[in-house]
C-alpha atoms as a PDB file:
ATOM      1  CA  MET A   1      67.763   1.191  48.537  1.00  0.00           C
ATOM      2  CA  PHE A   2      68.589  -2.413  49.355  1.00  0.00           C
ATOM      3  CA  ASN A   3      72.331  -2.078  49.024  1.00  0.00           C
ATOM      4  CA  TRP A   4      72.531  -2.381  52.791  1.00  0.00           C
ATOM      5  CA  PHE A   5      72.000  -6.128  52.427  1.00  0.00           C
ATOM      6  CA  GLY A   6      74.893  -6.489  49.999  1.00  0.00           C
ATOM      7  CA  ASN A   7      77.095  -4.379  52.264  1.00  0.00           C
ATOM      8  CA  PHE A   8      76.075  -6.455  55.260  1.00  0.00           C
ATOM      9  CA  VAL A   9      76.713  -9.778  53.555  1.00  0.00           C
ATOM     10  CA  LYS A  10      80.059  -8.896  51.956  1.00  0.00           C
ATOM     11  CA  ASP A  11      81.753  -8.616  55.359  1.00  0.00           C
ATOM     12  CA  TYR A  12      80.723 -12.112  56.422  1.00  0.00           C
ATOM     13  CA  ASP A  13      81.279 -15.629  55.172  1.00  0.00           C
ATOM     14  CA  VAL A  14      78.331 -16.259  52.876  1.00  0.00           C
ATOM     15  CA  GLU A  15      78.803 -19.956  52.300  1.00  0.00           C
ATOM     16  CA  ASP A  16      75.590 -20.631  54.192  1.00  0.00           C
ATOM     17  CA  ILE A  17      73.583 -18.295  52.000  1.00  0.00           C
ATOM     18  CA  ASP A  18      72.370 -19.741  48.742  1.00  0.00           C
ATOM     19  CA  GLU A  19      73.565 -17.821  45.669  1.00  0.00           C
ATOM     20  CA  SER A  20      70.108 -18.008  44.129  1.00  0.00           C
ATOM     21  CA  LEU A  21      68.747 -16.179  47.169  1.00  0.00           C
ATOM     22  CA  LEU A  22      71.281 -13.388  46.705  1.00  0.00           C
ATOM     23  CA  ASP A  23      70.499 -13.225  43.003  1.00  0.00           C
ATOM     24  CA  ARG A  24      66.795 -13.021  43.796  1.00  0.00           C
ATOM     25  CA  ILE A  25      67.357 -10.205  46.307  1.00  0.00           C
ATOM     26  CA  PHE A  26      69.398  -8.178  43.837  1.00  0.00           C
ATOM     27  CA  ASP A  27      66.829  -8.852  41.106  1.00  0.00           C
ATOM     28  CA  LEU A  28      64.045  -7.607  43.360  1.00  0.00           C
ATOM     29  CA  GLU A  29      66.099  -4.534  44.240  1.00  0.00           C
ATOM     30  CA  SER A  30      66.446  -3.613  40.569  1.00  0.00           C
ATOM     31  CA  ARG A  31      62.732  -4.158  39.998  1.00  0.00           C
ATOM     32  CA  VAL A  32      61.834  -1.902  42.928  1.00  0.00           C
ATOM     33  CA  LEU A  33      64.113   0.840  41.618  1.00  0.00           C
ATOM     34  CA  LYS A  34      62.517   0.552  38.172  1.00  0.00           C
ATOM     35  CA  LEU A  35      59.009   0.732  39.662  1.00  0.00           C
ATOM     36  CA  GLU A  36      59.946   3.808  41.682  1.00  0.00           C
ATOM     37  CA  THR A  37      61.175   5.512  38.517  1.00  0.00           C
ATOM     38  CA  GLU A  38      58.031   4.583  36.613  1.00  0.00           C
ATOM     39  CA  ASN A  39      55.912   5.842  39.502  1.00  0.00           C
ATOM     40  CA  VAL A  40      57.555   9.266  39.283  1.00  0.00           C
ATOM     41  CA  GLU A  41      57.029   9.346  35.506  1.00  0.00           C
ATOM     42  CA  LEU A  42      53.380   8.324  35.874  1.00  0.00           C
ATOM     43  CA  THR A  43      52.772  10.991  38.510  1.00  0.00           C
ATOM     44  CA  ASN A  44      54.277  13.642  36.235  1.00  0.00           C
ATOM     45  CA  CYS A  45      52.084  12.512  33.337  1.00  0.00           C
ATOM     46  CA  LEU A  46      48.981  12.651  35.521  1.00  0.00           C
ATOM     47  CA  TYR A  47      49.796  16.216  36.591  1.00  0.00           C
ATOM     48  CA  GLU A  48      50.268  17.160  32.938  1.00  0.00           C
ATOM     49  CA  VAL A  49      46.897  15.663  31.988  1.00  0.00           C
ATOM     50  CA  GLU A  50      45.252  17.433  34.921  1.00  0.00           C
ATOM     51  CA  ASN A  51      46.712  20.781  33.853  1.00  0.00           C
ATOM     52  CA  ARG A  52      45.625  20.295  30.238  1.00  0.00           C
ATOM     53  CA  LEU A  53      42.109  19.334  31.279  1.00  0.00           C
ATOM     54  CA  GLN A  54      41.865  22.291  33.633  1.00  0.00           C
ATOM     55  CA  SER A  55      42.989  24.667  30.880  1.00  0.00           C
ATOM     56  CA  GLN A  56      40.351  23.231  28.526  1.00  0.00           C
ATOM     57  CA  ILE A  57      37.680  23.652  31.212  1.00  0.00           C
ATOM     58  CA  ASP A  58      38.801  27.241  31.769  1.00  0.00           C
ATOM     59  CA  ASN A  59      38.425  27.953  28.038  1.00  0.00           C
ATOM     60  CA  ILE A  60      34.751  26.963  28.023  1.00  0.00           C
ATOM     61  CA  HIS A  61      32.637  30.119  27.833  1.00  0.00           C
ATOM     62  CA  PRO A  62      28.947  29.341  28.145  1.00  0.00           C
ATOM     63  CA  VAL A  63      26.451  31.509  26.302  1.00  0.00           C
ATOM     64  CA  THR A  64      25.025  34.230  28.521  1.00  0.00           C
ATOM     65  CA  TYR A  65      21.501  35.376  27.786  1.00  0.00           C
ATOM     66  CA  ASN A  66      20.318  38.881  28.537  1.00  0.00           C
ATOM     67  CA  LEU A  67      16.993  38.323  30.242  1.00  0.00           C
ATOM     68  CA  ASN A  68      16.770  41.721  31.909  1.00  0.00           C
ATOM     69  CA  ASN A  69      14.059  42.899  29.484  1.00  0.00           C
ATOM     70  CA  TYR A  70      11.827  39.929  30.233  1.00  0.00           C
ATOM     71  CA  GLY A  71       9.780  39.328  33.311  1.00  0.00           C
ATOM     72  CA  LEU A  72       6.413  38.151  34.493  1.00  0.00           C
ATOM     73  CA  ASP A  73       4.749  41.466  33.702  1.00  0.00           C
ATOM     74  CA  ASN A  74       5.797  41.463  29.978  1.00  0.00           C
END
């Protein structure tokens, strides 16, 4: 994602750029990539939990009472 910066800098003289700044940029790039991966994994887990919960809700069968024989006149 941020490789464009490395590609941009490699063609120029980088004596003016502090090495710690470049290290920090590459470190942040790796952290962003890791967070993007974890975000995908978390989203998949949430969909799985949603599907499991929905299937459990669908399996609930409430008791139905036959009240046809009862009324105000009985």
